[in-house]
Amino acid sequence: MDFPPWMQRAIQARLDEVSAQFEQDSELSRVRGENDEAFEALFAGQGCRADI
């Protein structure tokens, strides 16, 4: 299902607005950092195996 161009532009404008708010949110940046650290710790030392 294709959306009309005006609706695509409206959706993209809203996404751009929300993305800009996320980038400026210090709490979100802190949580993202914690999430990245937890993910790295979870998979640290496991490496990639081609036979999986």
PDB file of N, CA and C in Angstrom:
ATOM      1  N   MET A   1       0.846  -1.181   0.000  1.00  0.00           N
ATOM      2  CA  MET A   1       0.000   0.000   0.000  1.00  0.00           C
ATOM      3  C   MET A   1       0.886   1.237   0.000  1.00  0.00           C
ATOM      4  N   ASP A   2       0.707   2.073  -0.982  1.00  0.00           N
ATOM      5  CA  ASP A   2       1.476   3.307  -1.084  1.00  0.00           C
ATOM      6  C   ASP A   2       0.695   4.461  -0.464  1.00  0.00           C
ATOM      7  N   PHE A   3       1.427   5.297   0.251  1.00  0.00           N
ATOM      8  CA  PHE A   3       0.827   6.494   0.825  1.00  0.00           C
ATOM      9  C   PHE A   3       0.990   7.633  -0.163  1.00  0.00           C
ATOM     10  N   PRO A   4       0.043   8.577  -0.157  1.00  0.00           N
ATOM     11  CA  PRO A   4       0.191   9.737  -1.034  1.00  0.00           C
ATOM     12  C   PRO A   4       1.413  10.553  -0.609  1.00  0.00           C
ATOM     13  N   PRO A   5       2.028  11.251  -1.554  1.00  0.00           N
ATOM     14  CA  PRO A   5       3.236  12.025  -1.251  1.00  0.00           C
ATOM     15  C   PRO A   5       3.085  12.995  -0.086  1.00  0.00           C
ATOM     16  N   TRP A   6       1.935  13.631   0.036  1.00  0.00           N
ATOM     17  CA  TRP A   6       1.745  14.592   1.123  1.00  0.00           C
ATOM     18  C   TRP A   6       1.791  13.882   2.477  1.00  0.00           C
ATOM     19  N   MET A   7       1.279  12.654   2.539  1.00  0.00           N
ATOM     20  CA  MET A   7       1.294  11.913   3.795  1.00  0.00           C
ATOM     21  C   MET A   7       2.718  11.431   4.105  1.00  0.00           C
ATOM     22  N   GLN A   8       3.435  11.002   3.092  1.00  0.00           N
ATOM     23  CA  GLN A   8       4.831  10.598   3.282  1.00  0.00           C
ATOM     24  C   GLN A   8       5.657  11.759   3.834  1.00  0.00           C
ATOM     25  N   ARG A   9       5.435  12.954   3.285  1.00  0.00           N
ATOM     26  CA  ARG A   9       6.161  14.140   3.772  1.00  0.00           C
ATOM     27  C   ARG A   9       5.791  14.464   5.217  1.00  0.00           C
ATOM     28  N   ALA A  10       4.501  14.334   5.556  1.00  0.00           N
ATOM     29  CA  ALA A  10       4.053  14.619   6.922  1.00  0.00           C
ATOM     30  C   ALA A  10       4.659  13.623   7.903  1.00  0.00           C
ATOM     31  N   ILE A  11       4.685  12.354   7.527  1.00  0.00           N
ATOM     32  CA  ILE A  11       5.265  11.329   8.391  1.00  0.00           C
ATOM     33  C   ILE A  11       6.761  11.573   8.561  1.00  0.00           C
ATOM     34  N   GLN A  12       7.465  11.871   7.457  1.00  0.00           N
ATOM     35  CA  GLN A  12       8.903  12.118   7.538  1.00  0.00           C
ATOM     36  C   GLN A  12       9.202  13.345   8.391  1.00  0.00           C
ATOM     37  N   ALA A  13       8.403  14.388   8.272  1.00  0.00           N
ATOM     38  CA  ALA A  13       8.610  15.582   9.079  1.00  0.00           C
ATOM     39  C   ALA A  13       8.461  15.267  10.561  1.00  0.00           C
ATOM     40  N   ARG A  14       7.469  14.466  10.897  1.00  0.00           N
ATOM     41  CA  ARG A  14       7.266  14.083  12.310  1.00  0.00           C
ATOM     42  C   ARG A  14       8.412  13.216  12.804  1.00  0.00           C
ATOM     43  N   LEU A  15       8.859  12.277  11.989  1.00  0.00           N
ATOM     44  CA  LEU A  15      10.001  11.445  12.369  1.00  0.00           C
ATOM     45  C   LEU A  15      11.250  12.296  12.596  1.00  0.00           C
ATOM     46  N   ASP A  16      11.475  13.268  11.732  1.00  0.00           N
ATOM     47  CA  ASP A  16      12.627  14.163  11.890  1.00  0.00           C
ATOM     48  C   ASP A  16      12.534  14.951  13.190  1.00  0.00           C
ATOM     49  N   GLU A  17      11.329  15.419  13.507  1.00  0.00           N
ATOM     50  CA  GLU A  17      11.111  16.188  14.738  1.00  0.00           C
ATOM     51  C   GLU A  17      11.378  15.329  15.977  1.00  0.00           C
ATOM     52  N   VAL A  18      10.839  14.127  15.985  1.00  0.00           N
ATOM     53  CA  VAL A  18      11.015  13.231  17.127  1.00  0.00           C
ATOM     54  C   VAL A  18      12.479  12.817  17.261  1.00  0.00           C
ATOM     55  N   SER A  19      13.132  12.547  16.133  1.00  0.00           N
ATOM     56  CA  SER A  19      14.550  12.181  16.165  1.00  0.00           C
ATOM     57  C   SER A  19      15.394  13.302  16.752  1.00  0.00           C
ATOM     58  N   ALA A  20      15.098  14.528  16.391  1.00  0.00           N
ATOM     59  CA  ALA A  20      15.838  15.673  16.927  1.00  0.00           C
ATOM     60  C   ALA A  20      15.631  15.790  18.435  1.00  0.00           C
ATOM     61  N   GLN A  21      14.419  15.522  18.902  1.00  0.00           N
ATOM     62  CA  GLN A  21      14.152  15.562  20.341  1.00  0.00           C
ATOM     63  C   GLN A  21      14.944  14.480  21.065  1.00  0.00           C
ATOM     64  N   PHE A  22      15.016  13.290  20.497  1.00  0.00           N
ATOM     65  CA  PHE A  22      15.770  12.200  21.104  1.00  0.00           C
ATOM     66  C   PHE A  22      17.248  12.549  21.213  1.00  0.00           C
ATOM     67  N   GLU A  23      17.789  13.164  20.169  1.00  0.00           N
ATOM     68  CA  GLU A  23      19.209  13.507  20.160  1.00  0.00           C
ATOM     69  C   GLU A  23      19.544  14.537  21.241  1.00  0.00           C
ATOM     70  N   GLN A  24      18.591  15.362  21.611  1.00  0.00           N
ATOM     71  CA  GLN A  24      18.829  16.415  22.596  1.00  0.00           C
ATOM     72  C   GLN A  24      18.484  15.975  24.009  1.00  0.00           C
ATOM     73  N   ASP A  25      17.901  14.806  24.181  1.00  0.00           N
ATOM     74  CA  ASP A  25      17.457  14.327  25.488  1.00  0.00           C
ATOM     75  C   ASP A  25      18.620  13.674  26.227  1.00  0.00           C
ATOM     76  N   SER A  26      19.103  14.310  27.298  1.00  0.00           N
ATOM     77  CA  SER A  26      20.255  13.792  28.032  1.00  0.00           C
ATOM     78  C   SER A  26      19.930  12.489  28.751  1.00  0.00           C
ATOM     79  N   GLU A  27      18.722  12.328  29.234  1.00  0.00           N
ATOM     80  CA  GLU A  27      18.329  11.085  29.900  1.00  0.00           C
ATOM     81  C   GLU A  27      18.367   9.923  28.915  1.00  0.00           C
ATOM     82  N   LEU A  28      17.870  10.154  27.714  1.00  0.00           N
ATOM     83  CA  LEU A  28      17.900   9.115  26.696  1.00  0.00           C
ATOM     84  C   LEU A  28      19.340   8.756  26.330  1.00  0.00           C
ATOM     85  N   SER A  29      20.210   9.743  26.242  1.00  0.00           N
ATOM     86  CA  SER A  29      21.616   9.480  25.942  1.00  0.00           C
ATOM     87  C   SER A  29      22.242   8.627  27.036  1.00  0.00           C
ATOM     88  N   ARG A  30      21.913   8.905  28.280  1.00  0.00           N
ATOM     89  CA  ARG A  30      22.444   8.125  29.396  1.00  0.00           C
ATOM     90  C   ARG A  30      21.963   6.675  29.317  1.00  0.00           C
ATOM     91  N   VAL A  31      20.666   6.505  29.052  1.00  0.00           N
ATOM     92  CA  VAL A  31      20.104   5.159  28.971  1.00  0.00           C
ATOM     93  C   VAL A  31      20.704   4.402  27.784  1.00  0.00           C
ATOM     94  N   ARG A  32      20.875   5.080  26.660  1.00  0.00           N
ATOM     95  CA  ARG A  32      21.495   4.426  25.502  1.00  0.00           C
ATOM     96  C   ARG A  32      22.909   3.973  25.832  1.00  0.00           C
ATOM     97  N   GLY A  33      23.656   4.815  26.538  1.00  0.00           N
ATOM     98  CA  GLY A  33      25.011   4.447  26.925  1.00  0.00           C
ATOM     99  C   GLY A  33      25.016   3.224  27.825  1.00  0.00           C
ATOM    100  N   GLU A  34      24.115   3.188  28.780  1.00  0.00           N
ATOM    101  CA  GLU A  34      24.016   2.023  29.671  1.00  0.00           C
ATOM    102  C   GLU A  34      23.638   0.773  28.880  1.00  0.00           C
ATOM    103  N   ASN A  35      22.730   0.937  27.948  1.00  0.00           N
ATOM    104  CA  ASN A  35      22.304  -0.193  27.127  1.00  0.00           C
ATOM    105  C   ASN A  35      23.470  -0.717  26.284  1.00  0.00           C
ATOM    106  N   ASP A  36      24.228   0.184  25.689  1.00  0.00           N
ATOM    107  CA  ASP A  36      25.384  -0.231  24.887  1.00  0.00           C
ATOM    108  C   ASP A  36      26.409  -0.968  25.740  1.00  0.00           C
ATOM    109  N   GLU A  37      26.669  -0.444  26.941  1.00  0.00           N
ATOM    110  CA  GLU A  37      27.624  -1.093  27.836  1.00  0.00           C
ATOM    111  C   GLU A  37      27.147  -2.483  28.243  1.00  0.00           C
ATOM    112  N   ALA A  38      25.867  -2.611  28.548  1.00  0.00           N
ATOM    113  CA  ALA A  38      25.322  -3.904  28.948  1.00  0.00           C
ATOM    114  C   ALA A  38      25.390  -4.904  27.793  1.00  0.00           C
ATOM    115  N   PHE A  39      25.099  -4.461  26.602  1.00  0.00           N
ATOM    116  CA  PHE A  39      25.159  -5.331  25.437  1.00  0.00           C
ATOM    117  C   PHE A  39      26.589  -5.810  25.195  1.00  0.00           C
ATOM    118  N   GLU A  40      27.535  -4.880  25.279  1.00  0.00           N
ATOM    119  CA  GLU A  40      28.941  -5.239  25.084  1.00  0.00           C
ATOM    120  C   GLU A  40      29.404  -6.214  26.154  1.00  0.00           C
ATOM    121  N   ALA A  41      29.008  -6.002  27.400  1.00  0.00           N
ATOM    122  CA  ALA A  41      29.400  -6.901  28.489  1.00  0.00           C
ATOM    123  C   ALA A  41      28.782  -8.285  28.296  1.00  0.00           C
ATOM    124  N   LEU A  42      27.566  -8.325  27.810  1.00  0.00           N
ATOM    125  CA  LEU A  42      26.878  -9.590  27.602  1.00  0.00           C
ATOM    126  C   LEU A  42      27.603 -10.455  26.578  1.00  0.00           C
ATOM    127  N   PHE A  43      28.110  -9.822  25.534  1.00  0.00           N
ATOM    128  CA  PHE A  43      28.720 -10.573  24.451  1.00  0.00           C
ATOM    129  C   PHE A  43      30.247 -10.500  24.442  1.00  0.00           C
ATOM    130  N   ALA A  44      30.851  -9.918  25.444  1.00  0.00           N
ATOM    131  CA  ALA A  44      32.312  -9.784  25.508  1.00  0.00           C
ATOM    132  C   ALA A  44      32.954 -11.165  25.519  1.00  0.00           C
ATOM    133  N   GLY A  45      33.950 -11.324  24.711  1.00  0.00           N
ATOM    134  CA  GLY A  45      34.722 -12.555  24.710  1.00  0.00           C
ATOM    135  C   GLY A  45      34.073 -13.720  24.000  1.00  0.00           C
ATOM    136  N   GLN A  46      32.861 -13.566  23.487  1.00  0.00           N
ATOM    137  CA  GLN A  46      32.222 -14.696  22.838  1.00  0.00           C
ATOM    138  C   GLN A  46      32.679 -14.837  21.380  1.00  0.00           C
ATOM    139  N   GLY A  47      33.097 -13.727  20.768  1.00  0.00           N
ATOM    140  CA  GLY A  47      33.569 -13.796  19.385  1.00  0.00           C
ATOM    141  C   GLY A  47      32.493 -14.262  18.431  1.00  0.00           C
ATOM    142  N   CYS A  48      32.835 -14.276  17.187  1.00  0.00           N
ATOM    143  CA  CYS A  48      31.927 -14.724  16.144  1.00  0.00           C
ATOM    144  C   CYS A  48      32.362 -16.092  15.671  1.00  0.00           C
ATOM    145  N   ARG A  49      31.425 -17.002  15.580  1.00  0.00           N
ATOM    146  CA  ARG A  49      31.728 -18.337  15.073  1.00  0.00           C
ATOM    147  C   ARG A  49      31.004 -18.549  13.775  1.00  0.00           C
ATOM    148  N   ALA A  50      31.742 -18.969  12.768  1.00  0.00           N
ATOM    149  CA  ALA A  50      31.152 -19.156  11.441  1.00  0.00           C
ATOM    150  C   ALA A  50      30.289 -20.402  11.367  1.00  0.00           C
ATOM    151  N   ASP A  51      30.472 -21.361  12.317  1.00  0.00           N
ATOM    152  CA  ASP A  51      29.736 -22.609  12.243  1.00  0.00           C
ATOM    153  C   ASP A  51      28.390 -22.574  12.960  1.00  0.00           C
ATOM    154  N   ILE A  52      27.997 -21.415  13.457  1.00  0.00           N
ATOM    155  CA  ILE A  52      26.713 -21.310  14.163  1.00  0.00           C
ATOM    156  C   ILE A  52      25.610 -21.030  13.167  1.00  0.00           C
TER     157      ILE A  52
END
